[in-house]
């Protein structure tokens, strides 16, 4: 699932659509298209830092990295209308030649120590104990994240091709 699709789903839901009705999102993107937006094929972190792209739909960890590591004049917000939570997914490849080592890596990443490393890179840990007070202070308050919701990711994947076709017909 791409960032672009995740952003489109989030915008559609914020505009009142559903995973079975992309009309509100398509209307939003068609109206936005009139502003001649820059639509990068991948995250354009450097272009945001330089000011070339003034507004970017992106993941929070990139914004925090820009603010705290690169000292860029960037602000991260979760829209009042809400957004979706997109999990950072990892898996072990079936039949991998070094399966035991792969499992050890995944086990480490899920440990408090591994999750603390991720939290220090501004990725929200699944183990809250791994989030130090210092790092937590760099994230938006919990009440802001309350506007970010998980969704039916299987259904989101099922309707992706349908959305892409509808987007191309209505927006491009």
Protein backbone atom coordinates (compact mmCIF):
# COMPACT_ATOMS: atom_id res chain seq x y z
CA UNK A 1 0.00 0.00 0.00
CA UNK A 2 1.52 3.28 -1.04
CA UNK A 3 1.65 6.54 0.88
CA UNK A 4 -0.36 8.15 -1.89
CA UNK A 5 -3.16 5.62 -1.53
CA UNK A 6 -3.11 5.81 2.27
CA UNK A 7 -3.35 9.60 2.03
CA UNK A 8 -6.22 9.33 -0.44
CA UNK A 9 -8.09 6.95 1.86
CA UNK A 10 -7.53 9.27 4.82
CA UNK A 11 -8.75 12.30 2.86
CA UNK A 12 -11.77 10.41 1.57
CA UNK A 13 -12.78 9.30 5.06
CA UNK A 14 -12.22 12.83 6.41
CA UNK A 15 -14.52 14.19 3.70
CA UNK A 16 -17.28 11.73 4.68
CA UNK A 17 -16.51 8.86 2.30
CA UNK A 18 -16.06 5.20 3.08
CA UNK A 19 -14.03 2.33 1.67
CA UNK A 20 -17.07 1.61 -0.49
CA UNK A 21 -17.70 5.24 -1.50
CA UNK A 22 -14.74 7.24 -2.75
CA UNK A 23 -16.93 10.05 -4.11
CA UNK A 24 -16.12 12.63 -1.40
CA UNK A 25 -12.38 12.01 -1.71
CA UNK A 26 -12.47 12.14 -5.50
CA UNK A 27 -14.36 15.44 -5.36
CA UNK A 28 -11.75 16.80 -2.92
CA UNK A 29 -8.83 15.72 -5.11
CA UNK A 30 -10.50 17.07 -8.26
CA UNK A 31 -10.90 20.46 -6.56
CA UNK A 32 -7.33 20.28 -5.24
CA UNK A 33 -6.07 19.47 -8.76
CA UNK A 34 -7.16 22.96 -9.87
CA UNK A 35 -4.32 24.32 -7.69
CA UNK A 36 -1.79 22.43 -9.83
CA UNK A 37 -0.26 20.52 -6.90
CA UNK A 38 3.11 18.82 -6.98
CA UNK A 39 2.32 15.11 -6.75
CA UNK A 40 5.61 13.32 -6.09
CA UNK A 41 5.97 9.63 -6.88
CA UNK A 42 7.55 9.09 -3.49
CA UNK A 43 8.05 11.06 -0.30
CA UNK A 44 9.81 14.31 -1.14
CA UNK A 45 11.53 14.95 2.15
CA UNK A 46 14.35 17.09 0.72
CA UNK A 47 11.89 19.16 -1.31
CA UNK A 48 9.90 19.92 1.84
CA UNK A 49 13.06 20.91 3.73
CA UNK A 50 14.03 23.29 0.92
CA UNK A 51 10.55 24.87 0.91
CA UNK A 52 9.79 23.75 -2.64
CA UNK A 53 6.81 21.75 -1.38
CA UNK A 54 4.96 23.85 1.22
CA UNK A 55 2.36 21.24 2.23
CA UNK A 56 2.83 17.49 2.24
CA UNK A 57 0.55 14.61 3.17
CA UNK A 58 3.05 12.35 4.89
CA UNK A 59 3.74 10.19 7.90
CA UNK A 60 4.39 11.77 11.27
CA UNK A 61 7.88 10.33 11.71
CA UNK A 62 9.12 12.27 8.66
CA UNK A 63 7.77 15.51 10.12
CA UNK A 64 9.37 14.86 13.50
CA UNK A 65 12.68 14.02 11.82
CA UNK A 66 12.49 17.31 9.89
CA UNK A 67 11.68 19.30 13.03
CA UNK A 68 14.09 17.73 15.51
CA UNK A 69 16.93 16.31 13.42
CA UNK A 70 17.08 18.75 10.51
CA UNK A 71 15.73 21.77 12.40
CA UNK A 72 13.43 22.60 9.50
CA UNK A 73 10.60 25.11 9.86
CA UNK A 74 8.01 22.33 9.63
CA UNK A 75 4.81 21.81 11.57
CA UNK A 76 3.03 18.48 11.80
CA UNK A 77 -0.72 18.40 12.30
CA UNK A 78 -3.39 15.74 12.39
CA UNK A 79 -6.42 17.22 10.64
CA UNK A 80 -9.42 18.06 12.79
CA UNK A 81 -11.44 15.73 10.54
CA UNK A 82 -9.12 12.88 11.47
CA UNK A 83 -6.86 10.50 9.64
CA UNK A 84 -5.98 6.83 9.50
CA UNK A 85 -3.28 4.87 11.28
CA UNK A 86 -0.98 3.02 8.92
CA UNK A 87 1.06 0.35 10.69
CA UNK A 88 4.72 -0.08 9.90
CA UNK A 89 4.70 -3.71 8.83
CA UNK A 90 7.54 -6.23 8.88
CA UNK A 91 7.43 -9.91 8.15
CA UNK A 92 9.60 -12.95 7.76
CA UNK A 93 9.84 -14.25 4.22
CA UNK A 94 8.63 -17.84 3.97
CA UNK A 95 11.52 -20.18 3.24
CA UNK A 96 14.14 -17.54 4.00
CA UNK A 97 17.63 -19.05 4.11
CA UNK A 98 18.33 -17.63 7.58
CA UNK A 99 14.92 -17.95 9.21
CA UNK A 100 16.25 -18.26 12.75
CA UNK A 101 18.26 -15.04 12.43
CA UNK A 102 15.24 -13.31 10.89
CA UNK A 103 13.10 -14.34 13.86
CA UNK A 104 15.76 -13.01 16.23
CA UNK A 105 15.68 -9.66 14.46
CA UNK A 106 11.90 -9.48 14.64
CA UNK A 107 11.97 -10.49 18.31
CA UNK A 108 14.52 -7.76 19.03
CA UNK A 109 12.48 -5.13 17.18
CA UNK A 110 9.43 -6.03 19.26
CA UNK A 111 11.36 -5.93 22.57
CA UNK A 112 11.36 -2.84 24.78
CA UNK A 113 14.92 -2.10 23.68
CA UNK A 114 14.12 -2.46 19.98
CA UNK A 115 10.95 -0.41 20.31
CA UNK A 116 12.92 2.32 22.11
CA UNK A 117 15.26 2.53 19.10
CA UNK A 118 12.26 2.94 16.83
CA UNK A 119 10.71 5.53 19.13
CA UNK A 120 13.96 7.50 19.03
CA UNK A 121 13.52 7.54 15.23
CA UNK A 122 10.00 8.99 15.78
CA UNK A 123 8.15 5.79 14.94
CA UNK A 124 5.37 5.29 17.47
CA UNK A 125 6.20 2.13 19.40
CA UNK A 126 3.70 -0.65 19.96
CA UNK A 127 5.12 -1.02 23.46
CA UNK A 128 4.38 2.19 25.31
CA UNK A 129 6.99 1.30 27.94
CA UNK A 130 9.58 1.87 25.21
CA UNK A 131 8.61 5.53 24.81
CA UNK A 132 10.74 7.69 27.09
CA UNK A 133 9.32 10.92 28.50
CA UNK A 134 11.88 12.88 26.47
CA UNK A 135 10.83 11.31 23.18
CA UNK A 136 7.13 11.38 24.07
CA UNK A 137 7.42 15.14 24.54
CA UNK A 138 8.41 15.45 20.88
CA UNK A 139 5.22 13.76 19.66
CA UNK A 140 1.88 15.50 19.42
CA UNK A 141 -0.27 15.04 22.52
CA UNK A 142 -2.33 11.87 22.84
CA UNK A 143 -5.54 13.83 22.29
CA UNK A 144 -4.32 14.76 18.79
CA UNK A 145 -3.54 11.12 18.01
CA UNK A 146 -7.07 10.23 19.18
CA UNK A 147 -8.16 11.58 15.76
CA UNK A 148 -6.09 8.87 14.02
CA UNK A 149 -7.89 5.57 13.63
CA UNK A 150 -7.08 2.09 12.37
CA UNK A 151 -9.32 0.86 9.58
CA UNK A 152 -10.10 -2.40 7.82
CA UNK A 153 -6.75 -2.80 6.02
CA UNK A 154 -7.89 -5.95 4.19
CA UNK A 155 -10.85 -4.04 2.74
CA UNK A 156 -8.58 -1.11 1.96
CA UNK A 157 -6.36 -3.45 -0.06
CA UNK A 158 -9.37 -5.03 -1.80
CA UNK A 159 -10.67 -1.70 -3.14
CA UNK A 160 -7.31 -0.18 -4.07
CA UNK A 161 -7.47 -1.02 -7.78
CA UNK A 162 -11.06 0.24 -7.96
CA UNK A 163 -10.02 3.50 -6.30
CA UNK A 164 -7.04 3.95 -8.64
CA UNK A 165 -9.29 3.53 -11.68
CA UNK A 166 -11.85 5.97 -10.26
CA UNK A 167 -9.11 8.47 -9.38
CA UNK A 168 -7.66 8.35 -12.88
CA UNK A 169 -11.10 8.88 -14.41
CA UNK A 170 -12.17 11.70 -12.06
CA UNK A 171 -8.97 13.55 -11.22
CA UNK A 172 -6.16 13.01 -13.72
